[in-house]
Amino acid sequence: MNKTGFNARYQKYLEAIEDYLSGLFAEKPHWADLYEAMRYSLLSGGKRLRPVLTLEFARLAGEEGFDWYDAMPAACAVEMVHTYSLIHDDLPCMDNDDLRRGKPTNHKVYGETLSILAGDALQPEAFRLIAQATGLPAESRIAAVEVLANAAGADGM
């Protein structure tokens, strides 16, 4: 594949990822401040390399007739776990960073307590996305949950 083809596919994935992520946690429940803190970091930009690579792998490994978009929940789950790790990494008890991607870190905007809760909430929500990914067979969902749990657990992250 040439650079133009790669860039076009990357852009297509990126737009789909941003659309999908934008729809998450958009409702306004009584814990709207938690959703706002989660979305603040989740939608703060970045290259989205992890979900793009997840989608490309799914496309390449998929059987005949497989639509790469069916892997979107798994791809966005990877981004959610990454975002949770960044929120926690920025906390005062860790790196105590003031900025992430040129914006104030989550704990600077929402306070340390809500920031911890936002990171904590993103992690299980990522696993829920995979578990409820109706476009993937049950065996694939179980395998994806296991792979992500290993990568995010004590032996991974």
N, C-alpha and C. Protein backbone atom coordinates (compact mmCIF):
# COMPACT_ATOMS: atom_id res chain seq x y z
N MET A 1 0.86 -1.18 0.00
CA MET A 1 0.00 0.00 0.00
C MET A 1 0.90 1.23 0.00
N ASN A 2 0.55 2.22 -0.82
CA ASN A 2 1.33 3.45 -0.87
C ASN A 2 0.91 4.40 0.25
N LYS A 3 1.67 5.46 0.42
CA LYS A 3 1.42 6.42 1.50
C LYS A 3 0.05 7.08 1.37
N THR A 4 -0.37 7.37 0.16
CA THR A 4 -1.68 7.99 -0.04
C THR A 4 -2.80 7.05 0.40
N GLY A 5 -2.68 5.79 0.04
CA GLY A 5 -3.67 4.80 0.45
C GLY A 5 -3.70 4.62 1.96
N PHE A 6 -2.50 4.58 2.55
CA PHE A 6 -2.41 4.46 4.01
C PHE A 6 -3.06 5.65 4.69
N ASN A 7 -2.73 6.85 4.22
CA ASN A 7 -3.28 8.07 4.84
C ASN A 7 -4.80 8.11 4.72
N ALA A 8 -5.33 7.67 3.59
CA ALA A 8 -6.79 7.67 3.39
C ALA A 8 -7.45 6.69 4.35
N ARG A 9 -6.88 5.49 4.50
CA ARG A 9 -7.45 4.51 5.42
C ARG A 9 -7.34 5.00 6.86
N TYR A 10 -6.18 5.56 7.20
CA TYR A 10 -5.97 6.09 8.56
C TYR A 10 -7.02 7.16 8.87
N GLN A 11 -7.25 8.06 7.93
CA GLN A 11 -8.23 9.14 8.12
C GLN A 11 -9.64 8.58 8.28
N LYS A 12 -9.98 7.57 7.50
CA LYS A 12 -11.29 6.94 7.59
C LYS A 12 -11.48 6.32 8.97
N TYR A 13 -10.47 5.60 9.45
CA TYR A 13 -10.53 5.00 10.78
C TYR A 13 -10.64 6.09 11.84
N LEU A 14 -9.82 7.11 11.71
CA LEU A 14 -9.79 8.18 12.70
C LEU A 14 -11.15 8.86 12.83
N GLU A 15 -11.79 9.16 11.71
CA GLU A 15 -13.12 9.79 11.75
C GLU A 15 -14.15 8.87 12.40
N ALA A 16 -14.09 7.58 12.08
CA ALA A 16 -15.03 6.63 12.68
C ALA A 16 -14.80 6.49 14.18
N ILE A 17 -13.55 6.48 14.59
CA ILE A 17 -13.21 6.38 16.02
C ILE A 17 -13.72 7.60 16.77
N GLU A 18 -13.45 8.78 16.24
CA GLU A 18 -13.89 10.02 16.90
C GLU A 18 -15.41 10.06 17.01
N ASP A 19 -16.11 9.66 15.95
CA ASP A 19 -17.58 9.63 16.00
C ASP A 19 -18.07 8.66 17.07
N TYR A 20 -17.48 7.50 17.12
CA TYR A 20 -17.89 6.48 18.09
C TYR A 20 -17.63 6.96 19.52
N LEU A 21 -16.42 7.46 19.76
CA LEU A 21 -16.08 7.94 21.11
C LEU A 21 -16.96 9.12 21.53
N SER A 22 -17.29 9.98 20.59
CA SER A 22 -18.12 11.14 20.91
C SER A 22 -19.51 10.74 21.40
N GLY A 23 -19.97 9.59 20.98
CA GLY A 23 -21.28 9.12 21.41
C GLY A 23 -21.29 8.49 22.79
N LEU A 24 -20.12 8.21 23.33
CA LEU A 24 -20.05 7.55 24.63
C LEU A 24 -20.22 8.56 25.76
N PHE A 25 -20.97 8.18 26.76
CA PHE A 25 -21.16 8.97 27.99
C PHE A 25 -21.70 10.37 27.71
N ALA A 26 -22.50 10.49 26.66
CA ALA A 26 -23.04 11.79 26.27
C ALA A 26 -24.32 12.15 27.00
N GLU A 27 -25.02 11.15 27.54
CA GLU A 27 -26.26 11.45 28.27
C GLU A 27 -25.94 12.18 29.57
N LYS A 28 -26.93 12.75 30.18
CA LYS A 28 -26.74 13.57 31.38
C LYS A 28 -27.44 12.93 32.59
N PRO A 29 -26.88 11.84 33.11
CA PRO A 29 -27.47 11.23 34.30
C PRO A 29 -27.18 12.08 35.54
N HIS A 30 -27.63 11.63 36.68
CA HIS A 30 -27.39 12.42 37.89
C HIS A 30 -25.91 12.49 38.24
N TRP A 31 -25.09 11.65 37.64
CA TRP A 31 -23.65 11.71 37.84
C TRP A 31 -22.96 12.34 36.61
N ALA A 32 -23.61 13.34 36.06
CA ALA A 32 -23.13 13.98 34.83
C ALA A 32 -21.71 14.53 34.98
N ASP A 33 -21.34 14.96 36.18
CA ASP A 33 -19.98 15.48 36.36
C ASP A 33 -18.93 14.38 36.12
N LEU A 34 -19.25 13.15 36.49
CA LEU A 34 -18.34 12.04 36.22
C LEU A 34 -18.22 11.81 34.71
N TYR A 35 -19.34 11.76 34.00
CA TYR A 35 -19.31 11.59 32.55
C TYR A 35 -18.54 12.73 31.89
N GLU A 36 -18.72 13.92 32.37
CA GLU A 36 -18.02 15.08 31.81
C GLU A 36 -16.51 14.92 31.97
N ALA A 37 -16.07 14.48 33.14
CA ALA A 37 -14.64 14.27 33.39
C ALA A 37 -14.09 13.14 32.52
N MET A 38 -14.88 12.09 32.34
CA MET A 38 -14.46 10.98 31.48
C MET A 38 -14.31 11.46 30.04
N ARG A 39 -15.30 12.19 29.55
CA ARG A 39 -15.28 12.68 28.18
C ARG A 39 -14.16 13.71 27.96
N TYR A 40 -13.87 14.50 28.97
CA TYR A 40 -12.83 15.52 28.85
C TYR A 40 -11.52 14.89 28.39
N SER A 41 -11.13 13.82 29.05
CA SER A 41 -9.87 13.17 28.68
C SER A 41 -10.03 12.27 27.46
N LEU A 42 -11.14 11.56 27.36
CA LEU A 42 -11.34 10.63 26.25
C LEU A 42 -11.38 11.35 24.91
N LEU A 43 -11.91 12.56 24.89
CA LEU A 43 -12.07 13.30 23.64
C LEU A 43 -11.03 14.41 23.47
N SER A 44 -9.93 14.30 24.20
CA SER A 44 -8.93 15.37 24.16
C SER A 44 -7.98 15.29 22.98
N GLY A 45 -8.23 14.37 22.07
CA GLY A 45 -7.40 14.30 20.87
C GLY A 45 -6.36 13.21 20.96
N GLY A 46 -5.34 13.37 20.17
CA GLY A 46 -4.30 12.36 20.07
C GLY A 46 -4.35 11.68 18.71
N LYS A 47 -3.35 10.89 18.44
CA LYS A 47 -3.24 10.23 17.14
C LYS A 47 -4.14 9.02 17.03
N ARG A 48 -4.61 8.48 18.15
CA ARG A 48 -5.50 7.31 18.18
C ARG A 48 -4.85 6.11 17.51
N LEU A 49 -3.54 5.97 17.68
CA LEU A 49 -2.82 4.86 17.05
C LEU A 49 -3.32 3.50 17.52
N ARG A 50 -3.61 3.36 18.79
CA ARG A 50 -4.04 2.06 19.30
C ARG A 50 -5.35 1.59 18.67
N PRO A 51 -6.40 2.44 18.64
CA PRO A 51 -7.62 1.96 17.99
C PRO A 51 -7.48 1.81 16.48
N VAL A 52 -6.68 2.66 15.84
CA VAL A 52 -6.48 2.53 14.40
C VAL A 52 -5.80 1.19 14.10
N LEU A 53 -4.79 0.85 14.87
CA LEU A 53 -4.11 -0.43 14.65
C LEU A 53 -5.03 -1.61 14.94
N THR A 54 -5.89 -1.46 15.94
CA THR A 54 -6.86 -2.52 16.25
C THR A 54 -7.80 -2.72 15.07
N LEU A 55 -8.29 -1.64 14.49
CA LEU A 55 -9.20 -1.75 13.34
C LEU A 55 -8.50 -2.34 12.12
N GLU A 56 -7.27 -1.93 11.89
CA GLU A 56 -6.55 -2.45 10.73
C GLU A 56 -6.25 -3.94 10.91
N PHE A 57 -5.88 -4.33 12.12
CA PHE A 57 -5.66 -5.75 12.37
C PHE A 57 -6.95 -6.55 12.15
N ALA A 58 -8.06 -6.03 12.64
CA ALA A 58 -9.34 -6.71 12.46
C ALA A 58 -9.68 -6.83 10.98
N ARG A 59 -9.41 -5.78 10.23
CA ARG A 59 -9.68 -5.82 8.78
C ARG A 59 -8.83 -6.89 8.11
N LEU A 60 -7.54 -6.92 8.46
CA LEU A 60 -6.63 -7.87 7.83
C LEU A 60 -6.89 -9.31 8.25
N ALA A 61 -7.27 -9.51 9.50
CA ALA A 61 -7.49 -10.86 10.02
C ALA A 61 -8.91 -11.35 9.81
N GLY A 62 -9.81 -10.45 9.45
CA GLY A 62 -11.22 -10.81 9.31
C GLY A 62 -11.47 -11.77 8.16
N GLU A 63 -12.47 -12.57 8.35
CA GLU A 63 -12.87 -13.51 7.31
C GLU A 63 -13.62 -12.78 6.20
N GLU A 64 -13.86 -13.46 5.13
CA GLU A 64 -14.61 -12.91 4.00
C GLU A 64 -15.93 -12.33 4.50
N GLY A 65 -16.22 -11.11 4.12
CA GLY A 65 -17.47 -10.47 4.51
C GLY A 65 -17.41 -9.75 5.85
N PHE A 66 -16.28 -9.83 6.56
CA PHE A 66 -16.16 -9.14 7.84
C PHE A 66 -16.04 -7.64 7.61
N ASP A 67 -16.79 -6.86 8.36
CA ASP A 67 -16.74 -5.41 8.27
C ASP A 67 -15.87 -4.91 9.42
N TRP A 68 -14.80 -4.20 9.10
CA TRP A 68 -13.88 -3.72 10.14
C TRP A 68 -14.60 -2.91 11.20
N TYR A 69 -15.71 -2.26 10.84
CA TYR A 69 -16.43 -1.43 11.80
C TYR A 69 -16.99 -2.26 12.96
N ASP A 70 -17.20 -3.54 12.74
CA ASP A 70 -17.68 -4.40 13.82
C ASP A 70 -16.67 -4.49 14.97
N ALA A 71 -15.42 -4.18 14.69
CA ALA A 71 -14.38 -4.19 15.73
C ALA A 71 -14.26 -2.85 16.44
N MET A 72 -15.11 -1.87 16.07
CA MET A 72 -15.02 -0.53 16.67
C MET A 72 -15.14 -0.55 18.20
N PRO A 73 -16.06 -1.31 18.80
CA PRO A 73 -16.11 -1.32 20.27
C PRO A 73 -14.79 -1.79 20.89
N ALA A 74 -14.18 -2.80 20.32
CA ALA A 74 -12.90 -3.28 20.85
C ALA A 74 -11.81 -2.23 20.66
N ALA A 75 -11.79 -1.59 19.50
CA ALA A 75 -10.79 -0.56 19.23
C ALA A 75 -10.93 0.61 20.20
N CYS A 76 -12.16 1.04 20.42
CA CYS A 76 -12.38 2.16 21.34
C CYS A 76 -12.16 1.75 22.79
N ALA A 77 -12.37 0.48 23.10
CA ALA A 77 -12.07 -0.01 24.44
C ALA A 77 -10.58 0.11 24.73
N VAL A 78 -9.76 -0.18 23.74
CA VAL A 78 -8.31 -0.03 23.91
C VAL A 78 -7.97 1.43 24.20
N GLU A 79 -8.61 2.35 23.49
CA GLU A 79 -8.37 3.78 23.72
C GLU A 79 -8.86 4.21 25.10
N MET A 80 -9.95 3.63 25.57
CA MET A 80 -10.47 3.97 26.89
C MET A 80 -9.52 3.51 27.99
N VAL A 81 -8.94 2.32 27.85
CA VAL A 81 -7.97 1.85 28.83
C VAL A 81 -6.73 2.74 28.80
N HIS A 82 -6.31 3.12 27.61
CA HIS A 82 -5.16 4.03 27.49
C HIS A 82 -5.46 5.37 28.18
N THR A 83 -6.66 5.89 27.95
CA THR A 83 -7.05 7.17 28.56
C THR A 83 -7.09 7.07 30.07
N TYR A 84 -7.66 5.98 30.58
CA TYR A 84 -7.68 5.77 32.03
C TYR A 84 -6.25 5.80 32.58
N SER A 85 -5.31 5.14 31.88
CA SER A 85 -3.93 5.09 32.37
C SER A 85 -3.29 6.48 32.37
N LEU A 86 -3.65 7.31 31.38
CA LEU A 86 -3.10 8.66 31.32
C LEU A 86 -3.67 9.54 32.44
N ILE A 87 -4.97 9.41 32.70
CA ILE A 87 -5.58 10.17 33.80
C ILE A 87 -4.87 9.84 35.11
N HIS A 88 -4.70 8.56 35.38
CA HIS A 88 -4.05 8.15 36.63
C HIS A 88 -2.57 8.54 36.65
N ASP A 89 -1.90 8.45 35.51
CA ASP A 89 -0.49 8.81 35.45
C ASP A 89 -0.26 10.29 35.76
N ASP A 90 -1.22 11.13 35.41
CA ASP A 90 -1.09 12.58 35.62
C ASP A 90 -1.38 13.01 37.06
N LEU A 91 -1.95 12.13 37.88
CA LEU A 91 -2.37 12.49 39.24
C LEU A 91 -1.21 12.97 40.11
N PRO A 92 -1.51 13.76 41.13
CA PRO A 92 -0.46 14.24 42.03
C PRO A 92 0.36 13.12 42.67
N CYS A 93 -0.25 11.99 42.95
CA CYS A 93 0.48 10.89 43.58
C CYS A 93 1.39 10.16 42.59
N MET A 94 1.28 10.47 41.31
CA MET A 94 2.12 9.85 40.29
C MET A 94 3.07 10.92 39.71
N ASP A 95 2.78 11.41 38.51
CA ASP A 95 3.66 12.39 37.86
C ASP A 95 3.30 13.84 38.19
N ASN A 96 2.08 14.05 38.70
CA ASN A 96 1.60 15.40 39.04
C ASN A 96 1.76 16.36 37.87
N ASP A 97 1.30 15.92 36.71
CA ASP A 97 1.39 16.76 35.51
C ASP A 97 0.28 17.81 35.50
N ASP A 98 0.61 18.96 34.95
CA ASP A 98 -0.36 20.05 34.82
C ASP A 98 -1.04 20.05 33.46
N LEU A 99 -0.33 19.55 32.44
CA LEU A 99 -0.85 19.58 31.07
C LEU A 99 -0.76 18.21 30.43
N ARG A 100 -1.73 17.94 29.58
CA ARG A 100 -1.73 16.74 28.74
C ARG A 100 -2.27 17.18 27.39
N ARG A 101 -1.47 16.99 26.34
CA ARG A 101 -1.84 17.42 24.98
C ARG A 101 -2.19 18.90 24.93
N GLY A 102 -1.44 19.70 25.70
CA GLY A 102 -1.61 21.13 25.67
C GLY A 102 -2.80 21.66 26.46
N LYS A 103 -3.51 20.80 27.17
CA LYS A 103 -4.67 21.21 27.96
C LYS A 103 -4.42 20.83 29.42
N PRO A 104 -5.09 21.52 30.34
CA PRO A 104 -4.94 21.14 31.75
C PRO A 104 -5.35 19.67 31.95
N THR A 105 -4.59 18.98 32.79
CA THR A 105 -4.89 17.58 33.05
C THR A 105 -6.24 17.45 33.76
N ASN A 106 -6.76 16.26 33.75
CA ASN A 106 -8.08 15.99 34.31
C ASN A 106 -8.17 16.45 35.76
N HIS A 107 -7.17 16.14 36.56
CA HIS A 107 -7.25 16.51 37.98
C HIS A 107 -7.14 18.02 38.20
N LYS A 108 -6.53 18.73 37.26
CA LYS A 108 -6.47 20.18 37.37
C LYS A 108 -7.83 20.81 37.08
N VAL A 109 -8.62 20.16 36.22
CA VAL A 109 -9.93 20.68 35.84
C VAL A 109 -11.02 20.22 36.81
N TYR A 110 -10.98 18.93 37.18
CA TYR A 110 -12.09 18.34 37.94
C TYR A 110 -11.73 17.98 39.37
N GLY A 111 -10.50 18.18 39.76
CA GLY A 111 -10.08 17.81 41.11
C GLY A 111 -9.61 16.37 41.15
N GLU A 112 -8.81 16.07 42.13
CA GLU A 112 -8.19 14.75 42.22
C GLU A 112 -9.21 13.63 42.41
N THR A 113 -10.19 13.83 43.26
CA THR A 113 -11.16 12.78 43.55
C THR A 113 -11.96 12.39 42.31
N LEU A 114 -12.53 13.38 41.63
CA LEU A 114 -13.33 13.08 40.44
C LEU A 114 -12.45 12.53 39.32
N SER A 115 -11.23 12.98 39.26
CA SER A 115 -10.30 12.49 38.25
C SER A 115 -10.01 11.00 38.47
N ILE A 116 -9.79 10.60 39.70
CA ILE A 116 -9.58 9.18 40.00
C ILE A 116 -10.82 8.38 39.60
N LEU A 117 -11.99 8.89 39.95
CA LEU A 117 -13.23 8.19 39.60
C LEU A 117 -13.40 8.10 38.08
N ALA A 118 -13.04 9.14 37.36
CA ALA A 118 -13.16 9.12 35.90
C ALA A 118 -12.27 8.04 35.30
N GLY A 119 -11.03 7.97 35.75
CA GLY A 119 -10.14 6.92 35.28
C GLY A 119 -10.65 5.55 35.67
N ASP A 120 -11.07 5.42 36.92
CA ASP A 120 -11.60 4.14 37.40
C ASP A 120 -12.81 3.70 36.60
N ALA A 121 -13.66 4.63 36.20
CA ALA A 121 -14.87 4.29 35.46
C ALA A 121 -14.56 3.91 34.01
N LEU A 122 -13.57 4.54 33.41
CA LEU A 122 -13.25 4.22 32.01
C LEU A 122 -12.79 2.78 31.84
N GLN A 123 -12.08 2.27 32.81
CA GLN A 123 -11.55 0.91 32.65
C GLN A 123 -12.65 -0.15 32.54
N PRO A 124 -13.58 -0.26 33.49
CA PRO A 124 -14.61 -1.29 33.31
C PRO A 124 -15.56 -0.99 32.15
N GLU A 125 -15.76 0.28 31.84
CA GLU A 125 -16.60 0.62 30.68
C GLU A 125 -15.97 0.10 29.40
N ALA A 126 -14.65 0.07 29.33
CA ALA A 126 -13.97 -0.48 28.16
C ALA A 126 -14.30 -1.97 28.01
N PHE A 127 -14.27 -2.69 29.11
CA PHE A 127 -14.58 -4.12 29.05
C PHE A 127 -16.06 -4.34 28.71
N ARG A 128 -16.92 -3.45 29.17
CA ARG A 128 -18.33 -3.55 28.84
C ARG A 128 -18.53 -3.36 27.33
N LEU A 129 -17.81 -2.41 26.73
CA LEU A 129 -17.93 -2.20 25.29
C LEU A 129 -17.64 -3.49 24.53
N ILE A 130 -16.56 -4.14 24.92
CA ILE A 130 -16.19 -5.39 24.23
C ILE A 130 -17.24 -6.46 24.48
N ALA A 131 -17.65 -6.61 25.73
CA ALA A 131 -18.62 -7.66 26.08
C ALA A 131 -19.93 -7.49 25.33
N GLN A 132 -20.30 -6.27 25.03
CA GLN A 132 -21.58 -6.00 24.36
C GLN A 132 -21.44 -5.76 22.86
N ALA A 133 -20.28 -6.04 22.30
CA ALA A 133 -20.03 -5.81 20.87
C ALA A 133 -20.76 -6.87 20.04
N THR A 134 -21.96 -6.57 19.66
CA THR A 134 -22.80 -7.54 18.97
C THR A 134 -22.27 -7.95 17.60
N GLY A 135 -21.40 -7.16 17.01
CA GLY A 135 -20.85 -7.49 15.70
C GLY A 135 -19.75 -8.53 15.75
N LEU A 136 -19.33 -8.90 16.96
CA LEU A 136 -18.28 -9.89 17.11
C LEU A 136 -18.84 -11.16 17.73
N PRO A 137 -18.35 -12.32 17.30
CA PRO A 137 -18.80 -13.56 17.92
C PRO A 137 -18.40 -13.60 19.40
N ALA A 138 -19.16 -14.33 20.19
CA ALA A 138 -18.92 -14.42 21.63
C ALA A 138 -17.48 -14.86 21.93
N GLU A 139 -16.97 -15.83 21.19
CA GLU A 139 -15.60 -16.30 21.44
C GLU A 139 -14.58 -15.19 21.22
N SER A 140 -14.82 -14.37 20.22
CA SER A 140 -13.91 -13.25 19.94
C SER A 140 -13.99 -12.20 21.04
N ARG A 141 -15.19 -11.96 21.54
CA ARG A 141 -15.34 -10.99 22.64
C ARG A 141 -14.61 -11.47 23.88
N ILE A 142 -14.76 -12.74 24.22
CA ILE A 142 -14.08 -13.30 25.39
C ILE A 142 -12.57 -13.19 25.22
N ALA A 143 -12.07 -13.54 24.05
CA ALA A 143 -10.63 -13.47 23.79
C ALA A 143 -10.14 -12.02 23.88
N ALA A 144 -10.92 -11.09 23.33
CA ALA A 144 -10.52 -9.68 23.37
C ALA A 144 -10.49 -9.15 24.80
N VAL A 145 -11.48 -9.53 25.61
CA VAL A 145 -11.49 -9.12 27.02
C VAL A 145 -10.25 -9.67 27.73
N GLU A 146 -9.91 -10.92 27.46
CA GLU A 146 -8.74 -11.52 28.10
C GLU A 146 -7.44 -10.82 27.69
N VAL A 147 -7.31 -10.55 26.42
CA VAL A 147 -6.09 -9.87 25.92
C VAL A 147 -5.97 -8.48 26.56
N LEU A 148 -7.07 -7.73 26.58
CA LEU A 148 -7.03 -6.38 27.15
C LEU A 148 -6.80 -6.42 28.65
N ALA A 149 -7.40 -7.38 29.34
CA ALA A 149 -7.18 -7.50 30.78
C ALA A 149 -5.72 -7.82 31.09
N ASN A 150 -5.12 -8.70 30.29
CA ASN A 150 -3.70 -9.00 30.50
C ASN A 150 -2.83 -7.78 30.22
N ALA A 151 -3.16 -7.04 29.19
CA ALA A 151 -2.37 -5.86 28.84
C ALA A 151 -2.52 -4.74 29.85
N ALA A 152 -3.69 -4.64 30.49
CA ALA A 152 -3.94 -3.56 31.45
C ALA A 152 -3.67 -3.97 32.88
N GLY A 153 -3.44 -5.24 33.12
CA GLY A 153 -3.26 -5.73 34.47
C GLY A 153 -1.83 -5.59 34.97
N ALA A 154 -1.56 -6.27 36.07
CA ALA A 154 -0.26 -6.16 36.74
C ALA A 154 0.89 -6.62 35.84
N ASP A 155 0.64 -7.57 34.96
CA ASP A 155 1.69 -8.05 34.06
C ASP A 155 1.81 -7.22 32.79
N GLY A 156 0.91 -6.28 32.60
CA GLY A 156 0.93 -5.46 31.40
C GLY A 156 1.36 -4.05 31.69
N MET A 157 0.38 -3.22 31.93
CA MET A 157 0.63 -1.80 32.12
C MET A 157 1.55 -1.58 33.30
